[in-house]
N, C-alpha and C. Protein backbone atom coordinates (compact mmCIF):
# COMPACT_ATOMS: atom_id res chain seq x y z
N MET A 1 -14.80 -2.98 -4.70
CA MET A 1 -13.89 -2.04 -5.32
C MET A 1 -12.62 -1.97 -4.47
N GLY A 2 -11.47 -2.22 -5.08
CA GLY A 2 -10.19 -2.13 -4.38
C GLY A 2 -9.76 -0.69 -4.20
N PHE A 3 -8.85 -0.47 -3.27
CA PHE A 3 -8.39 0.88 -2.99
C PHE A 3 -7.75 1.52 -4.21
N CYS A 4 -7.00 0.74 -4.97
CA CYS A 4 -6.27 1.29 -6.11
C CYS A 4 -7.20 1.78 -7.19
N SER A 5 -8.45 1.33 -7.21
CA SER A 5 -9.37 1.77 -8.25
C SER A 5 -10.16 3.02 -7.84
N LEU A 6 -9.92 3.53 -6.65
CA LEU A 6 -10.59 4.76 -6.24
C LEU A 6 -10.08 5.94 -7.04
N HIS A 7 -10.95 6.83 -7.37
CA HIS A 7 -10.57 8.05 -8.09
C HIS A 7 -9.79 8.95 -7.15
N ALA A 8 -8.86 9.72 -7.70
CA ALA A 8 -7.98 10.57 -6.88
C ALA A 8 -8.77 11.50 -5.96
N THR A 9 -9.92 11.99 -6.43
CA THR A 9 -10.72 12.88 -5.59
C THR A 9 -11.21 12.15 -4.35
N HIS A 10 -11.63 10.90 -4.52
CA HIS A 10 -12.08 10.12 -3.37
C HIS A 10 -10.93 9.83 -2.42
N VAL A 11 -9.76 9.56 -2.98
CA VAL A 11 -8.59 9.33 -2.14
C VAL A 11 -8.32 10.57 -1.30
N HIS A 12 -8.37 11.75 -1.93
CA HIS A 12 -8.11 12.98 -1.19
C HIS A 12 -9.15 13.17 -0.08
N LEU A 13 -10.40 12.84 -0.35
CA LEU A 13 -11.44 12.98 0.67
C LEU A 13 -11.15 12.10 1.88
N LEU A 14 -10.50 10.95 1.66
CA LEU A 14 -10.15 10.10 2.79
C LEU A 14 -9.14 10.78 3.71
N TYR A 15 -8.32 11.68 3.15
CA TYR A 15 -7.26 12.32 3.91
C TYR A 15 -7.75 13.51 4.74
N THR A 16 -8.93 14.02 4.43
CA THR A 16 -9.42 15.22 5.09
C THR A 16 -9.51 15.00 6.60
N ASN A 17 -8.99 15.96 7.35
CA ASN A 17 -9.00 15.96 8.81
C ASN A 17 -8.18 14.84 9.43
N MET A 18 -7.20 14.35 8.74
CA MET A 18 -6.29 13.34 9.27
C MET A 18 -4.91 13.98 9.37
N THR A 19 -4.08 13.40 10.20
CA THR A 19 -2.67 13.79 10.16
C THR A 19 -2.06 13.15 8.92
N MET A 20 -0.90 13.61 8.54
CA MET A 20 -0.22 13.03 7.39
C MET A 20 0.06 11.55 7.64
N HIS A 21 0.52 11.23 8.84
CA HIS A 21 0.79 9.83 9.18
C HIS A 21 -0.47 8.99 9.06
N ASP A 22 -1.58 9.49 9.56
CA ASP A 22 -2.85 8.77 9.46
C ASP A 22 -3.25 8.56 8.00
N ALA A 23 -3.06 9.59 7.18
CA ALA A 23 -3.41 9.49 5.77
C ALA A 23 -2.55 8.45 5.07
N LEU A 24 -1.26 8.44 5.36
CA LEU A 24 -0.36 7.46 4.74
C LEU A 24 -0.65 6.06 5.26
N THR A 25 -0.97 5.94 6.54
CA THR A 25 -1.33 4.64 7.10
C THR A 25 -2.60 4.12 6.46
N ALA A 26 -3.56 5.00 6.22
CA ALA A 26 -4.81 4.59 5.56
C ALA A 26 -4.56 4.20 4.11
N ARG A 27 -3.65 4.88 3.45
CA ARG A 27 -3.37 4.60 2.04
C ARG A 27 -2.54 3.34 1.86
N PHE A 28 -1.54 3.13 2.68
CA PHE A 28 -0.61 2.02 2.50
C PHE A 28 -0.93 0.90 3.50
N THR A 29 -1.72 -0.05 3.04
CA THR A 29 -2.12 -1.17 3.89
C THR A 29 -1.46 -2.48 3.47
N ASP A 30 -0.77 -2.49 2.35
CA ASP A 30 -0.14 -3.69 1.81
C ASP A 30 1.36 -3.64 2.08
N ALA A 31 1.84 -4.56 2.90
CA ALA A 31 3.26 -4.57 3.28
C ALA A 31 4.18 -4.71 2.06
N ASP A 32 3.74 -5.47 1.06
CA ASP A 32 4.57 -5.62 -0.14
C ASP A 32 4.67 -4.31 -0.92
N GLU A 33 3.58 -3.57 -0.98
CA GLU A 33 3.63 -2.27 -1.66
C GLU A 33 4.53 -1.31 -0.89
N ILE A 34 4.45 -1.33 0.43
CA ILE A 34 5.32 -0.48 1.24
C ILE A 34 6.78 -0.80 0.95
N LYS A 35 7.12 -2.09 0.88
CA LYS A 35 8.49 -2.49 0.55
C LYS A 35 8.89 -1.99 -0.83
N ASP A 36 7.99 -2.13 -1.81
CA ASP A 36 8.29 -1.68 -3.17
C ASP A 36 8.55 -0.19 -3.23
N VAL A 37 7.71 0.59 -2.56
CA VAL A 37 7.90 2.05 -2.56
C VAL A 37 9.19 2.40 -1.84
N ALA A 38 9.46 1.73 -0.73
CA ALA A 38 10.70 1.98 0.01
C ALA A 38 11.93 1.67 -0.84
N MET A 39 11.84 0.61 -1.64
CA MET A 39 12.99 0.18 -2.42
C MET A 39 13.12 0.93 -3.76
N TYR A 40 12.00 1.15 -4.43
CA TYR A 40 12.05 1.68 -5.80
C TYR A 40 11.55 3.11 -5.94
N GLY A 41 10.91 3.64 -4.91
CA GLY A 41 10.42 5.01 -4.96
C GLY A 41 9.07 5.14 -5.63
N CYS A 42 8.66 6.37 -5.80
CA CYS A 42 7.33 6.68 -6.36
C CYS A 42 7.34 6.85 -7.87
N SER A 43 8.51 6.99 -8.47
CA SER A 43 8.57 7.32 -9.89
C SER A 43 7.98 6.24 -10.79
N GLY A 44 7.89 5.01 -10.30
CA GLY A 44 7.30 3.94 -11.09
C GLY A 44 5.78 3.98 -11.09
N GLY A 45 5.20 4.84 -10.28
CA GLY A 45 3.75 4.98 -10.21
C GLY A 45 3.18 4.35 -8.96
N VAL A 46 2.71 5.18 -8.06
CA VAL A 46 2.09 4.73 -6.81
C VAL A 46 0.70 5.34 -6.78
N SER A 47 -0.31 4.50 -6.79
CA SER A 47 -1.69 4.97 -6.82
C SER A 47 -1.93 6.03 -5.75
N GLY A 48 -2.53 7.12 -6.16
CA GLY A 48 -2.80 8.23 -5.25
C GLY A 48 -1.68 9.26 -5.21
N PHE A 49 -0.54 8.92 -5.83
CA PHE A 49 0.62 9.83 -5.84
C PHE A 49 1.26 9.86 -7.24
N ILE A 50 0.43 9.75 -8.26
CA ILE A 50 0.93 9.73 -9.64
C ILE A 50 0.90 11.12 -10.26
N TRP A 51 -0.23 11.74 -10.22
CA TRP A 51 -0.44 13.01 -10.92
C TRP A 51 -0.03 14.20 -10.07
N TYR A 52 0.48 15.22 -10.72
CA TYR A 52 0.85 16.44 -10.00
C TYR A 52 -0.34 16.95 -9.21
N SER A 53 -1.54 16.90 -9.78
CA SER A 53 -2.72 17.41 -9.08
C SER A 53 -2.95 16.67 -7.77
N GLU A 54 -2.74 15.35 -7.75
CA GLU A 54 -2.89 14.57 -6.52
C GLU A 54 -1.85 14.99 -5.49
N ASN A 55 -0.62 15.14 -5.95
CA ASN A 55 0.48 15.47 -5.04
C ASN A 55 0.38 16.90 -4.54
N GLU A 56 -0.11 17.81 -5.38
CA GLU A 56 -0.30 19.19 -4.93
C GLU A 56 -1.39 19.25 -3.85
N LYS A 57 -2.46 18.51 -4.01
CA LYS A 57 -3.52 18.47 -2.99
C LYS A 57 -2.98 17.90 -1.68
N PHE A 58 -2.22 16.82 -1.79
CA PHE A 58 -1.65 16.21 -0.59
C PHE A 58 -0.70 17.20 0.08
N PHE A 59 0.14 17.86 -0.71
CA PHE A 59 1.08 18.84 -0.17
C PHE A 59 0.33 19.97 0.53
N ASP A 60 -0.68 20.51 -0.14
CA ASP A 60 -1.43 21.63 0.43
C ASP A 60 -2.13 21.24 1.73
N GLU A 61 -2.58 20.01 1.80
CA GLU A 61 -3.26 19.53 3.01
C GLU A 61 -2.29 19.35 4.18
N TYR A 62 -1.06 18.92 3.90
CA TYR A 62 -0.12 18.54 4.95
C TYR A 62 1.19 19.31 4.89
N GLU A 63 1.16 20.51 4.36
CA GLU A 63 2.38 21.28 4.12
C GLU A 63 3.29 21.37 5.35
N ASP A 64 2.75 21.78 6.47
CA ASP A 64 3.58 21.92 7.68
C ASP A 64 4.18 20.58 8.11
N GLU A 65 3.37 19.53 8.06
CA GLU A 65 3.86 18.20 8.44
C GLU A 65 4.92 17.70 7.46
N ILE A 66 4.76 18.04 6.18
CA ILE A 66 5.75 17.64 5.17
C ILE A 66 7.08 18.30 5.46
N TYR A 67 7.08 19.60 5.74
CA TYR A 67 8.34 20.28 6.08
C TYR A 67 8.99 19.65 7.31
N ASP A 68 8.18 19.38 8.33
CA ASP A 68 8.71 18.76 9.56
C ASP A 68 9.28 17.38 9.28
N TYR A 69 8.55 16.59 8.50
CA TYR A 69 9.00 15.22 8.22
C TYR A 69 10.29 15.23 7.40
N LEU A 70 10.34 16.10 6.39
CA LEU A 70 11.57 16.22 5.61
C LEU A 70 12.74 16.61 6.50
N ASN A 71 12.50 17.55 7.41
CA ASN A 71 13.54 17.97 8.34
C ASN A 71 14.00 16.79 9.20
N ASP A 72 13.06 16.00 9.69
CA ASP A 72 13.39 14.82 10.48
C ASP A 72 14.22 13.81 9.68
N CYS A 73 14.03 13.82 8.37
CA CYS A 73 14.76 12.91 7.47
C CYS A 73 16.05 13.55 6.95
N GLY A 74 16.38 14.73 7.47
CA GLY A 74 17.62 15.40 7.08
C GLY A 74 17.54 16.13 5.75
N MET A 75 16.33 16.51 5.35
CA MET A 75 16.14 17.23 4.09
C MET A 75 15.39 18.53 4.33
N SER A 76 15.49 19.42 3.37
CA SER A 76 14.70 20.65 3.40
C SER A 76 14.28 20.99 1.98
N MET A 77 13.47 22.02 1.85
CA MET A 77 12.98 22.42 0.54
C MET A 77 14.14 22.69 -0.43
N LYS A 78 15.22 23.26 0.06
CA LYS A 78 16.33 23.61 -0.83
C LYS A 78 16.93 22.38 -1.50
N ASP A 79 16.75 21.20 -0.91
CA ASP A 79 17.25 19.98 -1.53
C ASP A 79 16.48 19.60 -2.79
N PHE A 80 15.33 20.20 -2.99
CA PHE A 80 14.46 19.86 -4.12
C PHE A 80 14.42 20.93 -5.20
N VAL A 81 15.03 22.08 -4.92
CA VAL A 81 15.03 23.18 -5.89
C VAL A 81 16.18 22.97 -6.86
N HIS A 82 15.86 23.03 -8.14
CA HIS A 82 16.87 22.91 -9.18
C HIS A 82 16.46 23.77 -10.35
N SER A 83 17.35 23.94 -11.28
CA SER A 83 17.06 24.73 -12.47
C SER A 83 15.83 24.16 -13.16
N GLY A 84 14.87 25.00 -13.42
CA GLY A 84 13.65 24.55 -14.07
C GLY A 84 12.56 24.11 -13.12
N SER A 85 12.80 24.19 -11.82
CA SER A 85 11.77 23.83 -10.85
C SER A 85 10.57 24.75 -10.98
N THR A 86 9.41 24.17 -10.84
CA THR A 86 8.17 24.95 -10.73
C THR A 86 7.57 24.64 -9.37
N ILE A 87 6.58 25.41 -8.99
CA ILE A 87 5.90 25.13 -7.73
C ILE A 87 5.33 23.71 -7.76
N SER A 88 4.73 23.34 -8.89
CA SER A 88 4.15 22.00 -9.02
C SER A 88 5.20 20.91 -8.89
N SER A 89 6.32 21.07 -9.57
CA SER A 89 7.36 20.03 -9.51
C SER A 89 7.98 19.97 -8.11
N LEU A 90 8.11 21.12 -7.46
CA LEU A 90 8.66 21.16 -6.11
C LEU A 90 7.74 20.42 -5.13
N LYS A 91 6.45 20.70 -5.21
CA LYS A 91 5.49 20.01 -4.35
C LYS A 91 5.50 18.52 -4.63
N ASN A 92 5.51 18.15 -5.90
CA ASN A 92 5.53 16.74 -6.29
C ASN A 92 6.75 16.03 -5.71
N ASP A 93 7.91 16.63 -5.89
CA ASP A 93 9.15 15.99 -5.43
C ASP A 93 9.19 15.86 -3.91
N MET A 94 8.69 16.87 -3.21
CA MET A 94 8.68 16.78 -1.75
C MET A 94 7.69 15.74 -1.26
N VAL A 95 6.53 15.65 -1.90
CA VAL A 95 5.56 14.62 -1.51
C VAL A 95 6.14 13.24 -1.78
N TRP A 96 6.75 13.05 -2.93
CA TRP A 96 7.35 11.75 -3.22
C TRP A 96 8.42 11.40 -2.19
N ALA A 97 9.24 12.37 -1.82
CA ALA A 97 10.29 12.11 -0.83
C ALA A 97 9.68 11.70 0.51
N VAL A 98 8.63 12.38 0.92
CA VAL A 98 7.97 12.04 2.18
C VAL A 98 7.37 10.64 2.11
N VAL A 99 6.69 10.33 1.02
CA VAL A 99 6.07 9.01 0.87
C VAL A 99 7.15 7.93 0.90
N GLU A 100 8.24 8.15 0.18
CA GLU A 100 9.33 7.17 0.14
C GLU A 100 9.97 6.99 1.52
N CYS A 101 10.24 8.09 2.21
CA CYS A 101 10.84 8.00 3.56
C CYS A 101 9.87 7.33 4.54
N TRP A 102 8.59 7.68 4.44
CA TRP A 102 7.59 7.07 5.32
C TRP A 102 7.52 5.57 5.07
N CYS A 103 7.54 5.16 3.81
CA CYS A 103 7.49 3.73 3.50
C CYS A 103 8.74 3.01 4.00
N GLN A 104 9.89 3.67 3.91
CA GLN A 104 11.11 3.07 4.45
C GLN A 104 10.98 2.86 5.96
N ALA A 105 10.49 3.87 6.65
CA ALA A 105 10.32 3.77 8.10
C ALA A 105 9.25 2.73 8.45
N GLN A 106 8.15 2.75 7.72
CA GLN A 106 7.07 1.80 8.00
C GLN A 106 7.51 0.38 7.70
N GLY A 107 8.31 0.21 6.66
CA GLY A 107 8.84 -1.12 6.35
C GLY A 107 9.68 -1.65 7.49
N THR A 108 10.48 -0.79 8.10
CA THR A 108 11.29 -1.19 9.25
C THR A 108 10.40 -1.58 10.42
N VAL A 109 9.36 -0.79 10.67
CA VAL A 109 8.41 -1.10 11.75
C VAL A 109 7.75 -2.45 11.48
N ASN A 110 7.30 -2.66 10.23
CA ASN A 110 6.65 -3.93 9.89
C ASN A 110 7.59 -5.11 10.13
N GLU A 111 8.85 -4.98 9.75
CA GLU A 111 9.83 -6.04 9.95
C GLU A 111 10.04 -6.32 11.45
N MET A 112 10.13 -5.26 12.23
CA MET A 112 10.33 -5.42 13.67
C MET A 112 9.13 -6.11 14.31
N GLU A 113 7.93 -5.74 13.87
CA GLU A 113 6.72 -6.39 14.40
C GLU A 113 6.68 -7.86 14.03
N ALA A 114 7.06 -8.17 12.79
CA ALA A 114 7.07 -9.57 12.35
C ALA A 114 8.08 -10.37 13.15
N GLU A 115 9.24 -9.80 13.40
CA GLU A 115 10.26 -10.49 14.20
C GLU A 115 9.78 -10.71 15.64
N ALA A 116 9.11 -9.71 16.20
CA ALA A 116 8.61 -9.83 17.56
C ALA A 116 7.53 -10.91 17.66
N LEU A 117 6.69 -11.01 16.65
CA LEU A 117 5.65 -12.04 16.65
C LEU A 117 6.23 -13.42 16.46
N ALA A 118 7.34 -13.50 15.72
CA ALA A 118 7.97 -14.79 15.46
C ALA A 118 8.76 -15.30 16.68
N ALA A 119 9.12 -14.40 17.55
CA ALA A 119 9.94 -14.78 18.71
C ALA A 119 9.15 -15.48 19.79
């Protein structure tokens, strides 16, 4: 069974008692997928981050780390609030932003490691 075929509940169980970074590292093991998320974002559908329910669970598990990570990326909650925002949409948008920023950073790390190995 591939990771992408895991049910969202099982994916969430993998995240229990992990840091957000550990959870994202466990989820994103394919360098090509990391590049795709970094380049195109989550809106096209990223397994484990598709449904509001998945993203709300992830947000609730890592809320403090999400705020810190967004701050490190130069963003805050106010950047995601707009007319018609709901708690669910706010959590979803912040989780997507964190996942996208993390994939961008991880993509850079992967490239640097590949260059170092090639040297």
